[in-house]
Protein backbone atom coordinates (compact mmCIF):
# COMPACT_ATOMS: atom_id res chain seq x y z
CA UNK A 1 -25.71 27.58 -16.67
CA UNK A 2 -25.31 23.84 -15.92
CA UNK A 3 -27.68 21.64 -13.96
CA UNK A 4 -26.44 18.12 -13.16
CA UNK A 5 -28.44 15.18 -11.87
CA UNK A 6 -26.97 11.72 -11.27
CA UNK A 7 -28.73 8.37 -11.01
CA UNK A 8 -27.19 4.98 -10.21
CA UNK A 9 -28.90 1.91 -11.61
CA UNK A 10 -27.46 -1.52 -10.73
CA UNK A 11 -27.52 -3.96 -13.61
CA UNK A 12 -25.55 -7.22 -13.45
CA UNK A 13 -21.85 -6.28 -13.17
CA UNK A 14 -22.32 -2.75 -14.35
CA UNK A 15 -23.54 0.44 -12.87
CA UNK A 16 -25.08 2.82 -15.25
CA UNK A 17 -24.07 6.27 -14.22
CA UNK A 18 -26.30 8.60 -16.07
CA UNK A 19 -25.24 12.18 -15.84
CA UNK A 20 -27.56 14.66 -17.43
CA UNK A 21 -26.04 18.01 -18.13
CA UNK A 22 -28.45 20.57 -19.40
CA UNK A 23 -27.20 23.59 -21.23
CA UNK A 24 -29.41 26.05 -22.96
CA UNK A 25 -30.19 23.46 -25.69
CA UNK A 26 -29.82 20.43 -23.38
CA UNK A 27 -27.36 17.55 -23.84
CA UNK A 28 -27.38 14.04 -22.36
CA UNK A 29 -24.02 12.50 -21.43
CA UNK A 30 -24.12 8.80 -20.36
CA UNK A 31 -21.10 7.19 -18.70
CA UNK A 32 -20.56 3.46 -18.03
CA UNK A 33 -18.43 2.43 -15.09
CA UNK A 34 -17.61 -1.12 -14.09
CA UNK A 35 -19.10 -1.68 -10.65
CA UNK A 36 -15.70 -2.66 -9.27
CA UNK A 37 -14.72 1.02 -9.27
CA UNK A 38 -17.66 1.81 -7.02
CA UNK A 39 -16.99 -1.26 -4.86
CA UNK A 40 -13.34 -0.20 -4.50
CA UNK A 41 -14.47 3.24 -3.32
CA UNK A 42 -16.87 1.69 -0.80
CA UNK A 43 -14.12 -0.64 0.45
CA UNK A 44 -11.67 2.26 0.67
CA UNK A 45 -14.14 4.20 2.85
CA UNK A 46 -14.84 1.18 5.08
CA UNK A 47 -11.13 0.42 5.49
CA UNK A 48 -10.42 4.08 6.29
CA UNK A 49 -13.16 4.01 8.94
CA UNK A 50 -11.71 0.81 10.42
CA UNK A 51 -8.19 2.26 10.55
CA UNK A 52 -9.49 5.43 12.22
CA UNK A 53 -10.75 3.18 15.02
CA UNK A 54 -7.51 1.12 14.95
CA UNK A 55 -4.77 3.68 14.15
CA UNK A 56 -1.84 1.28 14.58
CA UNK A 57 -2.83 -0.47 11.32
CA UNK A 58 -2.56 0.78 7.74
CA UNK A 59 -3.37 -0.41 4.24
CA UNK A 60 -0.46 -1.65 2.14
CA UNK A 61 -2.43 -2.67 -0.93
CA UNK A 62 -5.62 -4.06 -2.36
CA UNK A 63 -6.54 -5.81 -5.57
CA UNK A 64 -9.71 -7.07 -7.21
CA UNK A 65 -9.44 -9.66 -9.96
CA UNK A 66 -11.92 -10.45 -12.74
CA UNK A 67 -13.59 -13.21 -10.70
CA UNK A 68 -14.51 -10.64 -8.02
CA UNK A 69 -11.95 -11.83 -5.48
CA UNK A 70 -10.68 -8.95 -3.37
CA UNK A 71 -7.28 -9.20 -1.69
CA UNK A 72 -6.47 -6.70 1.05
CA UNK A 73 -2.97 -6.45 2.52
CA UNK A 74 -2.46 -4.61 5.81
CA UNK A 75 0.45 -3.86 8.11
CA UNK A 76 0.76 -2.48 11.59
CA UNK A 77 3.22 -0.49 13.64
CA UNK A 78 3.62 -3.47 16.01
CA UNK A 79 2.98 -6.16 13.41
CA UNK A 80 -0.24 -7.90 12.44
CA UNK A 81 -1.75 -10.97 14.09
CA UNK A 82 -4.18 -13.39 12.48
CA UNK A 83 -6.89 -12.07 14.80
CA UNK A 84 -6.33 -8.56 13.37
CA UNK A 85 -6.93 -9.84 9.83
CA UNK A 86 -10.03 -11.71 10.99
CA UNK A 87 -11.32 -8.59 12.75
CA UNK A 88 -10.99 -6.44 9.62
CA UNK A 89 -12.57 -9.20 7.51
CA UNK A 90 -15.60 -9.39 9.83
CA UNK A 91 -15.90 -5.61 9.87
CA UNK A 92 -15.98 -5.49 6.07
CA UNK A 93 -18.38 -8.42 5.77
CA UNK A 94 -20.79 -6.85 8.29
CA UNK A 95 -20.76 -3.47 6.58
CA UNK A 96 -21.13 -4.50 2.94
CA UNK A 97 -24.54 -5.10 1.43
CA UNK A 98 -24.13 -8.65 0.09
CA UNK A 99 -27.23 -8.57 -2.09
CA UNK A 100 -25.62 -5.99 -4.37
CA UNK A 101 -22.22 -7.61 -4.77
CA UNK A 102 -21.11 -11.10 -5.68
CA UNK A 103 -17.55 -11.22 -4.33
CA UNK A 104 -15.13 -12.92 -1.97
CA UNK A 105 -12.26 -11.35 -0.14
CA UNK A 106 -9.20 -12.16 1.92
CA UNK A 107 -7.33 -10.01 4.39
CA UNK A 108 -3.65 -10.75 4.97
CA UNK A 109 -0.59 -9.08 6.41
CA UNK A 110 2.41 -7.92 4.43
CA UNK A 111 4.86 -10.82 4.60
CA UNK A 112 8.52 -10.78 5.54
CA UNK A 113 9.54 -10.97 1.91
CA UNK A 114 7.16 -8.22 0.77
CA UNK A 115 8.77 -4.96 -0.31
CA UNK A 116 8.60 -2.01 2.08
CA UNK A 117 6.47 0.70 0.51
CA UNK A 118 5.34 3.22 3.11
CA UNK A 119 7.38 5.27 5.61
CA UNK A 120 5.55 3.54 8.49
CA UNK A 121 6.94 0.20 7.28
CA UNK A 122 10.47 1.60 7.30
CA UNK A 123 10.00 3.02 10.83
CA UNK A 124 8.74 -0.37 12.02
CA UNK A 125 11.90 -2.03 10.65
CA UNK A 126 14.44 0.46 12.00
CA UNK A 127 17.83 -1.17 12.80
CA UNK A 128 17.05 -4.22 10.67
CA UNK A 129 19.06 -5.38 7.68
CA UNK A 130 17.62 -4.65 4.26
CA UNK A 131 18.43 -4.44 0.60
CA UNK A 132 17.54 -1.24 -1.26
CA UNK A 133 17.55 -0.81 -5.02
CA UNK A 134 17.51 2.79 -6.19
CA UNK A 135 15.83 4.06 -9.33
CA UNK A 136 19.36 4.79 -10.64
CA UNK A 137 20.22 1.08 -10.55
CA UNK A 138 22.40 1.25 -7.43
CA UNK A 139 21.99 -1.45 -4.79
CA UNK A 140 22.71 -1.09 -1.08
CA UNK A 141 22.63 -3.73 1.65
CA UNK A 142 22.94 -2.72 5.27
CA UNK A 143 21.16 -1.74 8.46
CA UNK A 144 18.37 0.81 8.33
CA UNK A 145 19.73 3.41 10.75
CA UNK A 146 17.43 6.40 10.29
CA UNK A 147 13.99 7.19 8.92
CA UNK A 148 12.33 10.59 8.67
CA UNK A 149 9.53 12.15 6.61
CA UNK A 150 11.52 12.40 3.39
CA UNK A 151 14.31 9.84 3.42
CA UNK A 152 15.98 6.79 4.90
CA UNK A 153 19.59 6.22 5.87
CA UNK A 154 21.27 2.85 5.50
CA UNK A 155 24.66 1.90 7.00
CA UNK A 156 27.07 -0.94 6.20
CA UNK A 157 30.68 -1.89 6.80
CA UNK A 158 33.17 -2.54 4.02
CA UNK A 159 36.79 -3.71 4.06
CA UNK A 160 39.16 -1.19 2.50
CA UNK A 161 42.95 -0.96 2.25
CA UNK A 162 44.77 0.81 5.08
CA UNK A 163 46.03 4.29 4.22
CA UNK A 164 49.53 3.20 5.24
CA UNK A 165 50.93 -0.29 5.27
CA UNK A 166 49.48 -3.63 4.36
CA UNK A 167 46.11 -5.04 5.29
CA UNK A 168 42.55 -3.78 5.37
CA UNK A 169 40.35 -1.96 7.85
CA UNK A 170 36.58 -1.93 8.35
CA UNK A 171 35.01 1.35 7.25
CA UNK A 172 31.47 2.45 8.11
CA UNK A 173 29.62 3.61 4.98
CA UNK A 174 26.20 5.21 4.81
CA UNK A 175 23.78 6.37 2.17
CA UNK A 176 20.69 8.55 2.50
CA UNK A 177 17.96 8.05 -0.07
CA UNK A 178 14.74 9.98 -0.58
CA UNK A 179 11.64 7.78 -0.65
CA UNK A 180 11.02 8.68 -4.29
CA UNK A 181 14.55 7.47 -5.17
CA UNK A 182 13.82 3.95 -3.89
CA UNK A 183 12.73 1.45 -6.50
CA UNK A 184 12.44 -1.47 -4.07
CA UNK A 185 13.37 -2.15 -0.46
CA UNK A 186 13.19 -5.63 1.08
CA UNK A 187 14.12 -7.00 4.46
CA UNK A 188 16.92 -9.53 4.60
CA UNK A 189 15.88 -12.41 6.80
CA UNK A 190 18.78 -14.07 8.60
CA UNK A 191 18.50 -17.26 10.62
């Protein structure tokens, strides 16, 4: 029979997570966890709550460096405005207990040159030109023509010799890739 009791004690940059597991003889098992793990979980919950209230936005990534600077990158189905980043920043600031954490954070949108990671980003960029590198080392450049739950389809034209006679013709090529076959996908910005 196991009985577990947990206690959190804040001490500088560490949280002492003391887990006492009592067996018949009784053992004590202490664990040390850097407080950033707990802060990341709190931030994850707050961001999830915010996105439940604002479902057109989603988290692309977050990072916390050793100087306690938190970077949060978001995207949206219709893009992200500066006011959207400010709104999320205020929401986080108002819901975090500042006395417990010494940190700074920034909220930004995924830029034009950022890789596409999530299916929602691909859907948002349907019919736009992009470059995809597969995990097999193949590279494709063309228009994103189709996105579904499992894969994307990219189309491009190439010039190939005519079957009869001299000259070349334009041929429509396409390639479907599963999301887990994509190493990196980036938009091609044309001016």
